[in-house]
Amino acid sequence: LNNILAKMESYHKGGDEAIIFDTNGYLSEGS
């Protein structure tokens, strides 16, 4: 679900892919 929610948000914002950060503000990964 963590990945799916990120993917959904990327679509709502018009993106092909989501870029996810962690809770410390560091770059994590895509969906």
All heavy atoms as atom14 arrays in JSON, in Angstrom:
{
  "sequence": "LNNILAKMESYHKGGDEAIIFDTNGYLSEGS",
  "atom14_mask": [
    [1, 1, 1, 1, 1, 1, 1, 1, 0, 0, 0, 0, 0, 0],
    [1, 1, 1, 1, 1, 1, 1, 1, 0, 0, 0, 0, 0, 0],
    [1, 1, 1, 1, 1, 1, 1, 1, 0, 0, 0, 0, 0, 0],
    [1, 1, 1, 1, 1, 1, 1, 1, 0, 0, 0, 0, 0, 0],
    [1, 1, 1, 1, 1, 1, 1, 1, 0, 0, 0, 0, 0, 0],
    [1, 1, 1, 1, 1, 0, 0, 0, 0, 0, 0, 0, 0, 0],
    [1, 1, 1, 1, 1, 1, 1, 1, 1, 0, 0, 0, 0, 0],
    [1, 1, 1, 1, 1, 1, 1, 1, 0, 0, 0, 0, 0, 0],
    [1, 1, 1, 1, 1, 1, 1, 1, 1, 0, 0, 0, 0, 0],
    [1, 1, 1, 1, 1, 1, 0, 0, 0, 0, 0, 0, 0, 0],
    [1, 1, 1, 1, 1, 1, 1, 1, 1, 1, 1, 1, 0, 0],
    [1, 1, 1, 1, 1, 1, 1, 1, 1, 1, 0, 0, 0, 0],
    [1, 1, 1, 1, 1, 1, 1, 1, 1, 0, 0, 0, 0, 0],
    [1, 1, 1, 1, 0, 0, 0, 0, 0, 0, 0, 0, 0, 0],
    [1, 1, 1, 1, 0, 0, 0, 0, 0, 0, 0, 0, 0, 0],
    [1, 1, 1, 1, 1, 1, 1, 1, 0, 0, 0, 0, 0, 0],
    [1, 1, 1, 1, 1, 1, 1, 1, 1, 0, 0, 0, 0, 0],
    [1, 1, 1, 1, 1, 0, 0, 0, 0, 0, 0, 0, 0, 0],
    [1, 1, 1, 1, 1, 1, 1, 1, 0, 0, 0, 0, 0, 0],
    [1, 1, 1, 1, 1, 1, 1, 1, 0, 0, 0, 0, 0, 0],
    [1, 1, 1, 1, 1, 1, 1, 1, 1, 1, 1, 0, 0, 0],
    [1, 1, 1, 1, 1, 1, 1, 1, 0, 0, 0, 0, 0, 0],
    [1, 1, 1, 1, 1, 1, 1, 0, 0, 0, 0, 0, 0, 0],
    [1, 1, 1, 1, 1, 1, 1, 1, 0, 0, 0, 0, 0, 0],
    [1, 1, 1, 1, 0, 0, 0, 0, 0, 0, 0, 0, 0, 0],
    [1, 1, 1, 1, 1, 1, 1, 1, 1, 1, 1, 1, 0, 0],
    [1, 1, 1, 1, 1, 1, 1, 1, 0, 0, 0, 0, 0, 0],
    [1, 1, 1, 1, 1, 1, 0, 0, 0, 0, 0, 0, 0, 0],
    [1, 1, 1, 1, 1, 1, 1, 1, 1, 0, 0, 0, 0, 0],
    [1, 1, 1, 1, 0, 0, 0, 0, 0, 0, 0, 0, 0, 0],
    [1, 1, 1, 1, 1, 1, 0, 0, 0, 0, 0, 0, 0, 0]
  ],
  "atom14_positions": [
    [[0.81, -1.21, 0.0], [0.0, 0.0, 0.0], [0.85, 1.26, 0.0], [0.47, 2.28, -0.61], [-0.94, 0.0, 1.21], [-2.35, -0.54, 0.96], [-3.16, -0.51, 2.24], [-3.06, 0.24, -0.14], [0.0, 0.0, 0.0], [0.0, 0.0, 0.0], [0.0, 0.0, 0.0], [0.0, 0.0, 0.0], [0.0, 0.0, 0.0], [0.0, 0.0, 0.0]],
    [[1.99, 1.24, 0.65], [2.88, 2.4, 0.67], [3.25, 2.8, -0.76], [3.17, 3.96, -1.15], [4.12, 2.06, 1.49], [5.01, 3.26, 1.75], [6.21, 3.2, 1.54], [4.44, 4.34, 2.24], [0.0, 0.0, 0.0], [0.0, 0.0, 0.0], [0.0, 0.0, 0.0], [0.0, 0.0, 0.0], [0.0, 0.0, 0.0], [0.0, 0.0, 0.0]],
    [[3.61, 1.81, -1.56], [3.99, 2.06, -2.95], [2.78, 2.48, -3.79], [2.88, 3.37, -4.65], [4.6, 0.8, -3.57], [5.76, 0.26, -2.75], [5.58, -0.14, -1.6], [6.94, 0.21, -3.33], [0.0, 0.0, 0.0], [0.0, 0.0, 0.0], [0.0, 0.0, 0.0], [0.0, 0.0, 0.0], [0.0, 0.0, 0.0], [0.0, 0.0, 0.0]],
    [[1.63, 1.82, -3.56], [0.43, 2.12, -4.34], [-0.06, 3.54, -4.09], [-0.43, 4.26, -5.02], [-0.66, 1.08, -4.02], [-0.27, -0.29, -4.58], [-2.01, 1.51, -4.59], [-1.12, -1.43, -4.08], [0.0, 0.0, 0.0], [0.0, 0.0, 0.0], [0.0, 0.0, 0.0], [0.0, 0.0, 0.0], [0.0, 0.0, 0.0], [0.0, 0.0, 0.0]],
    [[-0.04, 3.97, -2.83], [-0.46, 5.34, -2.52], [0.45, 6.36, -3.19], [-0.01, 7.4, -3.68], [-0.48, 5.54, -1.0], [-1.58, 4.8, -0.23], [-1.38, 4.96, 1.28], [-2.96, 5.31, -0.64], [0.0, 0.0, 0.0], [0.0, 0.0, 0.0], [0.0, 0.0, 0.0], [0.0, 0.0, 0.0], [0.0, 0.0, 0.0], [0.0, 0.0, 0.0]],
    [[1.75, 6.05, -3.22], [2.69, 6.94, -3.9], [2.4, 6.99, -5.4], [2.42, 8.06, -6.02], [4.12, 6.48, -3.65], [0.0, 0.0, 0.0], [0.0, 0.0, 0.0], [0.0, 0.0, 0.0], [0.0, 0.0, 0.0], [0.0, 0.0, 0.0], [0.0, 0.0, 0.0], [0.0, 0.0, 0.0], [0.0, 0.0, 0.0], [0.0, 0.0, 0.0]],
    [[2.14, 5.83, -5.99], [1.84, 5.77, -7.43], [0.56, 6.54, -7.74], [0.5, 7.29, -8.74], [1.68, 4.3, -7.85], [1.68, 4.08, -9.35], [3.07, 4.26, -9.93], [3.17, 3.78, -11.36], [4.51, 3.99, -11.92], [0.0, 0.0, 0.0], [0.0, 0.0, 0.0], [0.0, 0.0, 0.0], [0.0, 0.0, 0.0], [0.0, 0.0, 0.0]],
    [[-0.45, 6.38, -6.91], [-1.7, 7.11, -7.13], [-1.49, 8.61, -7.08], [-2.01, 9.36, -7.91], [-2.74, 6.68, -6.08], [-3.28, 5.28, -6.26], [-4.34, 4.76, -4.88], [-5.65, 5.97, -4.98], [0.0, 0.0, 0.0], [0.0, 0.0, 0.0], [0.0, 0.0, 0.0], [0.0, 0.0, 0.0], [0.0, 0.0, 0.0], [0.0, 0.0, 0.0]],
    [[-0.69, 9.06, -6.12], [-0.43, 10.5, -6.0], [0.31, 11.01, -7.23], [0.04, 12.11, -7.71], [0.38, 10.78, -4.74], [0.56, 12.27, -4.49], [1.27, 12.58, -3.17], [1.24, 11.73, -2.26], [1.84, 13.69, -3.07], [0.0, 0.0, 0.0], [0.0, 0.0, 0.0], [0.0, 0.0, 0.0], [0.0, 0.0, 0.0], [0.0, 0.0, 0.0]],
    [[1.23, 10.21, -7.75], [1.97, 10.64, -8.94], [1.03, 10.8, -10.13], [1.16, 11.75, -10.91], [3.1, 9.65, -9.27], [2.61, 8.44, -9.83], [0.0, 0.0, 0.0], [0.0, 0.0, 0.0], [0.0, 0.0, 0.0], [0.0, 0.0, 0.0], [0.0, 0.0, 0.0], [0.0, 0.0, 0.0], [0.0, 0.0, 0.0], [0.0, 0.0, 0.0]],
    [[0.06, 9.9, -10.28], [-0.9, 10.01, -11.38], [-1.77, 11.25, -11.21], [-2.06, 11.96, -12.18], [-1.78, 8.76, -11.45], [-1.08, 7.52, -11.95], [-1.51, 6.26, -11.58], [0.03, 7.61, -12.8], [-0.87, 5.11, -12.06], [0.68, 6.48, -13.27], [0.23, 5.23, -12.89], [0.86, 4.11, -13.35], [0.0, 0.0, 0.0], [0.0, 0.0, 0.0]],
    [[-2.21, 11.5, -9.97], [-3.04, 12.68, -9.72], [-2.28, 13.96, -10.06], [-2.89, 14.97, -10.46], [-3.48, 12.71, -8.26], [-4.47, 11.65, -7.89], [-5.49, 11.25, -8.73], [-4.61, 10.89, -6.76], [-6.21, 10.31, -8.15], [-5.69, 10.05, -6.96], [0.0, 0.0, 0.0], [0.0, 0.0, 0.0], [0.0, 0.0, 0.0], [0.0, 0.0, 0.0]],
    [[-0.96, 13.93, -9.91], [-0.14, 15.11, -10.19], [0.38, 15.13, -11.62], [1.16, 16.01, -11.99], [1.05, 15.14, -9.22], [0.65, 15.44, -7.78], [1.88, 15.47, -6.88], [1.52, 15.9, -5.46], [2.71, 15.89, -4.56], [0.0, 0.0, 0.0], [0.0, 0.0, 0.0], [0.0, 0.0, 0.0], [0.0, 0.0, 0.0], [0.0, 0.0, 0.0]],
    [[-0.02, 14.12, -12.43], [0.37, 14.12, -13.83], [1.73, 13.52, -14.11], [2.3, 13.75, -15.19], [0.0, 0.0, 0.0], [0.0, 0.0, 0.0], [0.0, 0.0, 0.0], [0.0, 0.0, 0.0], [0.0, 0.0, 0.0], [0.0, 0.0, 0.0], [0.0, 0.0, 0.0], [0.0, 0.0, 0.0], [0.0, 0.0, 0.0], [0.0, 0.0, 0.0]],
    [[2.27, 12.74, -13.2], [3.6, 12.15, -13.39], [3.54, 10.71, -13.89], [2.54, 10.02, -13.71], [0.0, 0.0, 0.0], [0.0, 0.0, 0.0], [0.0, 0.0, 0.0], [0.0, 0.0, 0.0], [0.0, 0.0, 0.0], [0.0, 0.0, 0.0], [0.0, 0.0, 0.0], [0.0, 0.0, 0.0], [0.0, 0.0, 0.0], [0.0, 0.0, 0.0]],
    [[4.63, 10.29, -14.52], [4.75, 8.89, -14.94], [5.19, 8.01, -13.77], [4.88, 6.82, -13.74], [5.8, 8.75, -16.05], [5.45, 9.56, -17.28], [4.32, 9.4, -17.77], [6.3, 10.34, -17.73], [0.0, 0.0, 0.0], [0.0, 0.0, 0.0], [0.0, 0.0, 0.0], [0.0, 0.0, 0.0], [0.0, 0.0, 0.0], [0.0, 0.0, 0.0]],
    [[5.91, 8.58, -12.84], [6.44, 7.82, -11.71], [6.53, 8.71, -10.48], [6.65, 9.94, -10.59], [7.82, 7.23, -12.06], [8.53, 6.46, -10.96], [7.72, 5.3, -10.38], [6.61, 5.53, -9.86], [8.22, 4.16, -10.42], [0.0, 0.0, 0.0], [0.0, 0.0, 0.0], [0.0, 0.0, 0.0], [0.0, 0.0, 0.0], [0.0, 0.0, 0.0]],
    [[6.45, 8.06, -9.32], [6.57, 8.76, -8.04], [8.01, 8.68, -7.54], [8.69, 7.68, -7.75], [5.63, 8.14, -7.01], [0.0, 0.0, 0.0], [0.0, 0.0, 0.0], [0.0, 0.0, 0.0], [0.0, 0.0, 0.0], [0.0, 0.0, 0.0], [0.0, 0.0, 0.0], [0.0, 0.0, 0.0], [0.0, 0.0, 0.0], [0.0, 0.0, 0.0]],
    [[8.44, 9.74, -6.88], [9.72, 9.72, -6.17], [9.41, 9.87, -4.69], [8.79, 10.85, -4.27], [10.65, 10.85, -6.65], [11.03, 10.63, -8.12], [11.89, 10.93, -5.78], [11.92, 11.7, -8.7], [0.0, 0.0, 0.0], [0.0, 0.0, 0.0], [0.0, 0.0, 0.0], [0.0, 0.0, 0.0], [0.0, 0.0, 0.0], [0.0, 0.0, 0.0]],
    [[9.82, 8.87, -3.93], [9.46, 8.78, -2.51], [10.66, 9.11, -1.63], [11.78, 8.64, -1.89], [8.95, 7.36, -2.18], [7.86, 6.93, -3.15], [8.43, 7.3, -0.74], [7.46, 5.46, -3.01], [0.0, 0.0, 0.0], [0.0, 0.0, 0.0], [0.0, 0.0, 0.0], [0.0, 0.0, 0.0], [0.0, 0.0, 0.0], [0.0, 0.0, 0.0]],
    [[10.42, 9.89, -0.6], [11.43, 10.18, 0.42], [11.08, 9.42, 1.7], [9.94, 8.99, 1.88], [11.49, 11.68, 0.7], [12.15, 12.47, -0.38], [11.47, 12.75, -1.57], [13.46, 12.92, -0.25], [12.07, 13.46, -2.59], [14.07, 13.64, -1.27], [13.38, 13.91, -2.44], [0.0, 0.0, 0.0], [0.0, 0.0, 0.0], [0.0, 0.0, 0.0]],
    [[12.06, 9.25, 2.58], [11.77, 8.58, 3.84], [11.39, 9.6, 4.91], [11.31, 10.81, 4.65], [12.93, 7.68, 4.28], [14.19, 8.45, 4.66], [14.13, 9.69, 4.84], [15.25, 7.81, 4.79], [0.0, 0.0, 0.0], [0.0, 0.0, 0.0], [0.0, 0.0, 0.0], [0.0, 0.0, 0.0], [0.0, 0.0, 0.0], [0.0, 0.0, 0.0]],
    [[11.14, 9.14, 6.12], [10.67, 10.02, 7.18], [11.75, 10.95, 7.7], [11.47, 11.87, 8.46], [10.12, 9.19, 8.36], [11.12, 8.25, 8.79], [8.87, 8.43, 7.94], [0.0, 0.0, 0.0], [0.0, 0.0, 0.0], [0.0, 0.0, 0.0], [0.0, 0.0, 0.0], [0.0, 0.0, 0.0], [0.0, 0.0, 0.0], [0.0, 0.0, 0.0]],
    [[13.01, 10.74, 7.27], [14.11, 11.63, 7.64], [14.42, 12.65, 6.55], [15.35, 13.45, 6.68], [15.37, 10.82, 7.94], [15.22, 9.93, 9.15], [14.81, 10.39, 10.22], [15.53, 8.65, 9.0], [0.0, 0.0, 0.0], [0.0, 0.0, 0.0], [0.0, 0.0, 0.0], [0.0, 0.0, 0.0], [0.0, 0.0, 0.0], [0.0, 0.0, 0.0]],
    [[13.65, 12.61, 5.45], [13.87, 13.55, 4.37], [14.9, 13.11, 3.35], [15.3, 13.9, 2.49], [0.0, 0.0, 0.0], [0.0, 0.0, 0.0], [0.0, 0.0, 0.0], [0.0, 0.0, 0.0], [0.0, 0.0, 0.0], [0.0, 0.0, 0.0], [0.0, 0.0, 0.0], [0.0, 0.0, 0.0], [0.0, 0.0, 0.0], [0.0, 0.0, 0.0]],
    [[15.33, 11.84, 3.43], [16.29, 11.32, 2.45], [15.56, 10.66, 1.28], [14.5, 10.06, 1.45], [17.21, 10.28, 3.1], [18.12, 10.83, 4.17], [18.17, 10.22, 5.43], [18.93, 11.93, 3.94], [19.0, 10.72, 6.43], [19.76, 12.43, 4.93], [19.79, 11.83, 6.17], [20.62, 12.31, 7.16], [0.0, 0.0, 0.0], [0.0, 0.0, 0.0]],
    [[16.16, 10.75, 0.11], [15.62, 10.1, -1.07], [15.58, 8.59, -0.84], [16.56, 8.0, -0.39], [16.51, 10.43, -2.28], [16.11, 9.83, -3.62], [14.74, 10.33, -4.05], [17.16, 10.17, -4.68], [0.0, 0.0, 0.0], [0.0, 0.0, 0.0], [0.0, 0.0, 0.0], [0.0, 0.0, 0.0], [0.0, 0.0, 0.0], [0.0, 0.0, 0.0]],
    [[14.45, 7.97, -1.16], [14.29, 6.53, -0.97], [14.3, 5.8, -2.31], [15.29, 5.23, -2.71], [13.0, 6.23, -0.19], [12.75, 4.84, -0.13], [0.0, 0.0, 0.0], [0.0, 0.0, 0.0], [0.0, 0.0, 0.0], [0.0, 0.0, 0.0], [0.0, 0.0, 0.0], [0.0, 0.0, 0.0], [0.0, 0.0, 0.0], [0.0, 0.0, 0.0]],
    [[13.18, 5.84, -3.02], [13.05, 5.11, -4.29], [11.8, 5.56, -5.01], [11.07, 6.43, -4.55], [13.0, 3.61, -4.02], [11.86, 3.17, -3.13], [11.92, 1.68, -2.77], [12.62, 0.93, -3.46], [11.25, 1.29, -1.8], [0.0, 0.0, 0.0], [0.0, 0.0, 0.0], [0.0, 0.0, 0.0], [0.0, 0.0, 0.0], [0.0, 0.0, 0.0]],
    [[11.55, 4.96, -6.18], [10.29, 5.17, -6.87], [9.24, 4.22, -6.33], [9.48, 3.47, -5.38], [0.0, 0.0, 0.0], [0.0, 0.0, 0.0], [0.0, 0.0, 0.0], [0.0, 0.0, 0.0], [0.0, 0.0, 0.0], [0.0, 0.0, 0.0], [0.0, 0.0, 0.0], [0.0, 0.0, 0.0], [0.0, 0.0, 0.0], [0.0, 0.0, 0.0]],
    [[8.07, 4.22, -6.96], [7.01, 3.33, -6.48], [7.33, 1.87, -6.76], [6.8, 0.98, -6.11], [5.67, 3.7, -7.14], [5.72, 3.46, -8.53], [0.0, 0.0, 0.0], [0.0, 0.0, 0.0], [0.0, 0.0, 0.0], [0.0, 0.0, 0.0], [0.0, 0.0, 0.0], [0.0, 0.0, 0.0], [0.0, 0.0, 0.0], [0.0, 0.0, 0.0]]
  ]
}
